[in-house]
Amino acid sequence: MCCKIPKTNREFWVAKIQRNQERDLRVQHELAAMGWHSITIWECELKPAKREETLKSLAYTLNRIFLQDRTVRRYELPEEAPMMAAEEGAESSY
């Protein structure tokens, strides 16, 4: 996080920022529990000196999320005797 705490009423701002951080973390966990992804980008991370690095990191993260969410999970049947379409010994009517 990159924020400057004001010099006046400092205790209020420190407490407010701490509550905001706690709330943001709680909300991110709630969203994750519902299957959502949450990405936070601070304004300071988009300043010219850091913008390219931030955008590359964002692209990498989005690609990982995309690929992770689309991974095909195959269901495998347990090893058992093969299933029969007809009872053994039954004669065909063809």
N, C-alpha and C. Protein backbone atom coordinates (compact mmCIF):
# COMPACT_ATOMS: atom_id res chain seq x y z
N MET A 1 0.85 -1.18 0.00
CA MET A 1 0.00 0.00 0.00
C MET A 1 0.89 1.23 0.00
N CYS A 2 0.48 2.21 -0.73
CA CYS A 2 1.24 3.45 -0.75
C CYS A 2 0.28 4.61 -0.48
N CYS A 3 0.28 5.03 0.75
CA CYS A 3 -0.54 6.18 1.10
C CYS A 3 0.24 7.03 2.09
N LYS A 4 -0.04 8.30 2.08
CA LYS A 4 0.60 9.21 3.03
C LYS A 4 -0.41 9.56 4.09
N ILE A 5 -0.02 9.34 5.32
CA ILE A 5 -0.91 9.65 6.44
C ILE A 5 -0.82 11.15 6.71
N PRO A 6 -1.96 11.82 6.73
CA PRO A 6 -1.94 13.27 7.00
C PRO A 6 -1.33 13.57 8.37
N LYS A 7 -0.72 14.74 8.46
CA LYS A 7 -0.08 15.15 9.72
C LYS A 7 -1.10 15.55 10.77
N THR A 8 -2.26 16.05 10.34
CA THR A 8 -3.28 16.44 11.29
C THR A 8 -4.22 15.26 11.54
N ASN A 9 -4.64 15.13 12.77
CA ASN A 9 -5.57 14.07 13.17
C ASN A 9 -5.03 12.68 12.80
N ARG A 10 -3.76 12.49 13.04
CA ARG A 10 -3.02 11.29 12.63
C ARG A 10 -3.64 10.00 13.19
N GLU A 11 -4.03 9.99 14.45
CA GLU A 11 -4.60 8.79 15.06
C GLU A 11 -5.85 8.33 14.33
N PHE A 12 -6.70 9.29 13.95
CA PHE A 12 -7.93 8.98 13.21
C PHE A 12 -7.59 8.29 11.90
N TRP A 13 -6.63 8.85 11.15
CA TRP A 13 -6.29 8.31 9.83
C TRP A 13 -5.62 6.95 9.93
N VAL A 14 -4.76 6.75 10.90
CA VAL A 14 -4.12 5.44 11.07
C VAL A 14 -5.18 4.39 11.36
N ALA A 15 -6.11 4.70 12.27
CA ALA A 15 -7.19 3.75 12.60
C ALA A 15 -8.08 3.50 11.39
N LYS A 16 -8.41 4.54 10.65
CA LYS A 16 -9.28 4.40 9.47
C LYS A 16 -8.62 3.52 8.41
N ILE A 17 -7.35 3.76 8.15
CA ILE A 17 -6.63 2.98 7.14
C ILE A 17 -6.55 1.51 7.57
N GLN A 18 -6.31 1.28 8.85
CA GLN A 18 -6.25 -0.09 9.36
C GLN A 18 -7.60 -0.79 9.22
N ARG A 19 -8.69 -0.09 9.54
CA ARG A 19 -10.03 -0.68 9.38
C ARG A 19 -10.30 -0.99 7.91
N ASN A 20 -9.91 -0.08 7.03
CA ASN A 20 -10.12 -0.30 5.59
C ASN A 20 -9.34 -1.54 5.12
N GLN A 21 -8.10 -1.69 5.58
CA GLN A 21 -7.31 -2.85 5.19
C GLN A 21 -7.95 -4.15 5.70
N GLU A 22 -8.41 -4.14 6.93
CA GLU A 22 -9.07 -5.32 7.49
C GLU A 22 -10.34 -5.66 6.73
N ARG A 23 -11.14 -4.63 6.40
CA ARG A 23 -12.37 -4.84 5.64
C ARG A 23 -12.05 -5.39 4.25
N ASP A 24 -11.05 -4.80 3.59
CA ASP A 24 -10.68 -5.26 2.25
C ASP A 24 -10.27 -6.73 2.26
N LEU A 25 -9.49 -7.13 3.25
CA LEU A 25 -9.05 -8.52 3.35
C LEU A 25 -10.24 -9.44 3.59
N ARG A 26 -11.15 -9.03 4.46
CA ARG A 26 -12.35 -9.83 4.74
C ARG A 26 -13.20 -10.00 3.48
N VAL A 27 -13.39 -8.90 2.76
CA VAL A 27 -14.20 -8.94 1.53
C VAL A 27 -13.52 -9.81 0.47
N GLN A 28 -12.20 -9.73 0.36
CA GLN A 28 -11.49 -10.58 -0.60
C GLN A 28 -11.69 -12.06 -0.27
N HIS A 29 -11.66 -12.40 1.01
CA HIS A 29 -11.90 -13.80 1.40
C HIS A 29 -13.33 -14.22 1.10
N GLU A 30 -14.28 -13.32 1.34
CA GLU A 30 -15.68 -13.64 1.04
C GLU A 30 -15.88 -13.86 -0.46
N LEU A 31 -15.26 -13.00 -1.27
CA LEU A 31 -15.37 -13.16 -2.72
C LEU A 31 -14.73 -14.46 -3.18
N ALA A 32 -13.57 -14.79 -2.61
CA ALA A 32 -12.88 -16.04 -2.97
C ALA A 32 -13.75 -17.24 -2.62
N ALA A 33 -14.44 -17.17 -1.48
CA ALA A 33 -15.32 -18.28 -1.08
C ALA A 33 -16.47 -18.46 -2.06
N MET A 34 -16.84 -17.39 -2.77
CA MET A 34 -17.91 -17.47 -3.78
C MET A 34 -17.36 -17.77 -5.17
N GLY A 35 -16.04 -18.00 -5.27
CA GLY A 35 -15.45 -18.36 -6.55
C GLY A 35 -14.92 -17.18 -7.36
N TRP A 36 -14.90 -16.01 -6.79
CA TRP A 36 -14.41 -14.82 -7.49
C TRP A 36 -12.93 -14.61 -7.19
N HIS A 37 -12.26 -13.96 -8.11
CA HIS A 37 -10.87 -13.56 -7.92
C HIS A 37 -10.86 -12.05 -7.71
N SER A 38 -9.97 -11.60 -6.86
CA SER A 38 -9.88 -10.18 -6.56
C SER A 38 -8.43 -9.74 -6.72
N ILE A 39 -8.21 -8.67 -7.46
CA ILE A 39 -6.88 -8.14 -7.68
C ILE A 39 -6.90 -6.67 -7.28
N THR A 40 -5.95 -6.28 -6.45
CA THR A 40 -5.86 -4.88 -6.03
C THR A 40 -4.67 -4.23 -6.70
N ILE A 41 -4.92 -3.11 -7.33
CA ILE A 41 -3.84 -2.32 -7.93
C ILE A 41 -3.93 -0.93 -7.33
N TRP A 42 -2.86 -0.52 -6.68
CA TRP A 42 -2.82 0.80 -6.07
C TRP A 42 -2.48 1.85 -7.12
N GLU A 43 -3.00 3.04 -6.93
CA GLU A 43 -2.76 4.15 -7.85
C GLU A 43 -1.26 4.38 -8.06
N CYS A 44 -0.48 4.26 -7.00
CA CYS A 44 0.96 4.50 -7.11
C CYS A 44 1.65 3.46 -8.00
N GLU A 45 1.02 2.29 -8.17
CA GLU A 45 1.60 1.24 -9.01
C GLU A 45 1.38 1.53 -10.50
N LEU A 46 0.61 2.57 -10.80
CA LEU A 46 0.38 2.93 -12.19
C LEU A 46 1.13 4.19 -12.60
N LYS A 47 1.95 4.70 -11.70
CA LYS A 47 2.79 5.85 -12.05
C LYS A 47 3.83 5.39 -13.05
N PRO A 48 4.30 6.29 -13.92
CA PRO A 48 5.19 5.90 -15.01
C PRO A 48 6.38 5.01 -14.61
N ALA A 49 6.98 5.26 -13.47
CA ALA A 49 8.17 4.49 -13.07
C ALA A 49 7.85 3.02 -12.82
N LYS A 50 6.64 2.70 -12.46
CA LYS A 50 6.28 1.33 -12.09
C LYS A 50 5.19 0.72 -12.97
N ARG A 51 4.62 1.51 -13.87
CA ARG A 51 3.46 1.07 -14.65
C ARG A 51 3.71 -0.19 -15.46
N GLU A 52 4.82 -0.26 -16.19
CA GLU A 52 5.09 -1.41 -17.05
C GLU A 52 5.20 -2.69 -16.24
N GLU A 53 5.90 -2.62 -15.12
CA GLU A 53 6.04 -3.78 -14.24
C GLU A 53 4.69 -4.23 -13.70
N THR A 54 3.86 -3.26 -13.32
CA THR A 54 2.52 -3.58 -12.79
C THR A 54 1.66 -4.24 -13.86
N LEU A 55 1.68 -3.71 -15.07
CA LEU A 55 0.86 -4.27 -16.14
C LEU A 55 1.32 -5.68 -16.53
N LYS A 56 2.63 -5.91 -16.53
CA LYS A 56 3.13 -7.26 -16.82
C LYS A 56 2.68 -8.23 -15.73
N SER A 57 2.77 -7.80 -14.50
CA SER A 57 2.34 -8.64 -13.39
C SER A 57 0.84 -8.93 -13.47
N LEU A 58 0.06 -7.93 -13.82
CA LEU A 58 -1.38 -8.11 -13.98
C LEU A 58 -1.69 -9.10 -15.09
N ALA A 59 -1.02 -8.96 -16.23
CA ALA A 59 -1.25 -9.89 -17.35
C ALA A 59 -0.90 -11.32 -16.94
N TYR A 60 0.22 -11.50 -16.24
CA TYR A 60 0.63 -12.82 -15.78
C TYR A 60 -0.43 -13.41 -14.84
N THR A 61 -0.89 -12.60 -13.89
CA THR A 61 -1.88 -13.07 -12.92
C THR A 61 -3.19 -13.45 -13.61
N LEU A 62 -3.65 -12.61 -14.54
CA LEU A 62 -4.90 -12.90 -15.25
C LEU A 62 -4.78 -14.18 -16.08
N ASN A 63 -3.64 -14.38 -16.72
CA ASN A 63 -3.44 -15.60 -17.50
C ASN A 63 -3.45 -16.83 -16.61
N ARG A 64 -2.81 -16.76 -15.45
CA ARG A 64 -2.81 -17.90 -14.51
C ARG A 64 -4.23 -18.21 -14.04
N ILE A 65 -4.98 -17.16 -13.71
CA ILE A 65 -6.37 -17.36 -13.26
C ILE A 65 -7.19 -17.99 -14.38
N PHE A 66 -7.04 -17.47 -15.59
CA PHE A 66 -7.80 -17.99 -16.73
C PHE A 66 -7.49 -19.47 -16.95
N LEU A 67 -6.20 -19.81 -16.97
CA LEU A 67 -5.83 -21.21 -17.21
C LEU A 67 -6.24 -22.12 -16.05
N GLN A 68 -6.10 -21.63 -14.83
CA GLN A 68 -6.48 -22.42 -13.66
C GLN A 68 -7.98 -22.70 -13.66
N ASP A 69 -8.79 -21.71 -14.00
CA ASP A 69 -10.23 -21.89 -13.98
C ASP A 69 -10.72 -22.78 -15.11
N ARG A 70 -9.95 -22.93 -16.15
CA ARG A 70 -10.40 -23.72 -17.29
C ARG A 70 -9.73 -25.07 -17.38
N THR A 71 -9.03 -25.47 -16.35
CA THR A 71 -8.41 -26.78 -16.32
C THR A 71 -9.52 -27.83 -16.30
N VAL A 72 -9.42 -28.76 -17.21
CA VAL A 72 -10.43 -29.81 -17.29
C VAL A 72 -10.08 -30.89 -16.29
N ARG A 73 -11.00 -31.19 -15.43
CA ARG A 73 -10.81 -32.27 -14.48
C ARG A 73 -11.59 -33.47 -15.00
N ARG A 74 -10.89 -34.53 -15.25
CA ARG A 74 -11.54 -35.72 -15.81
C ARG A 74 -11.99 -36.64 -14.69
N TYR A 75 -13.18 -37.13 -14.84
CA TYR A 75 -13.71 -38.09 -13.87
C TYR A 75 -13.29 -39.48 -14.32
N GLU A 76 -12.68 -40.22 -13.41
CA GLU A 76 -12.27 -41.57 -13.74
C GLU A 76 -13.10 -42.55 -12.94
N LEU A 77 -13.61 -43.55 -13.63
CA LEU A 77 -14.39 -44.60 -12.97
C LEU A 77 -13.47 -45.45 -12.12
N PRO A 78 -13.95 -45.89 -10.99
CA PRO A 78 -13.13 -46.78 -10.16
C PRO A 78 -12.93 -48.11 -10.88
N GLU A 79 -11.82 -48.77 -10.58
CA GLU A 79 -11.52 -50.07 -11.20
C GLU A 79 -12.49 -51.12 -10.67
N GLU A 80 -13.38 -51.56 -11.51
CA GLU A 80 -14.34 -52.60 -11.16
C GLU A 80 -14.50 -53.49 -12.39
N ALA A 81 -15.29 -54.52 -12.21
CA ALA A 81 -15.59 -55.38 -13.35
C ALA A 81 -16.36 -54.55 -14.37
N PRO A 82 -16.12 -54.77 -15.64
CA PRO A 82 -16.83 -54.00 -16.66
C PRO A 82 -18.34 -54.19 -16.55
N MET A 83 -19.08 -53.15 -16.83
CA MET A 83 -20.54 -53.22 -16.77
C MET A 83 -21.05 -53.92 -18.02
N MET A 84 -22.08 -54.72 -17.83
CA MET A 84 -22.65 -55.46 -18.96
C MET A 84 -23.96 -54.79 -19.37
N ALA A 85 -24.19 -54.75 -20.66
CA ALA A 85 -25.44 -54.16 -21.17
C ALA A 85 -26.60 -55.14 -21.01
N ALA A 86 -26.29 -56.42 -20.97
CA ALA A 86 -27.33 -57.45 -20.80
C ALA A 86 -26.84 -58.46 -19.78
N GLU A 87 -27.77 -59.20 -19.25
CA GLU A 87 -27.41 -60.21 -18.25
C GLU A 87 -26.66 -61.33 -18.96
N GLU A 88 -25.73 -61.91 -18.20
CA GLU A 88 -24.98 -63.04 -18.76
C GLU A 88 -25.93 -64.21 -19.03
N GLY A 89 -25.73 -64.89 -20.13
CA GLY A 89 -26.53 -66.05 -20.46
C GLY A 89 -27.83 -65.70 -21.17
N ALA A 90 -28.18 -64.44 -21.22
CA ALA A 90 -29.42 -64.06 -21.90
C ALA A 90 -29.17 -64.14 -23.40
N GLU A 91 -30.14 -64.70 -24.11
CA GLU A 91 -29.97 -64.83 -25.55
C GLU A 91 -30.51 -63.61 -26.26
N SER A 92 -29.89 -63.26 -27.34
CA SER A 92 -30.31 -62.10 -28.11
C SER A 92 -31.52 -62.47 -28.95
N SER A 93 -32.42 -61.53 -29.15
CA SER A 93 -33.60 -61.79 -29.95
C SER A 93 -33.38 -61.41 -31.41
N TYR A 94 -32.15 -61.10 -31.78
CA TYR A 94 -31.88 -60.72 -33.18
C TYR A 94 -31.63 -61.90 -34.04
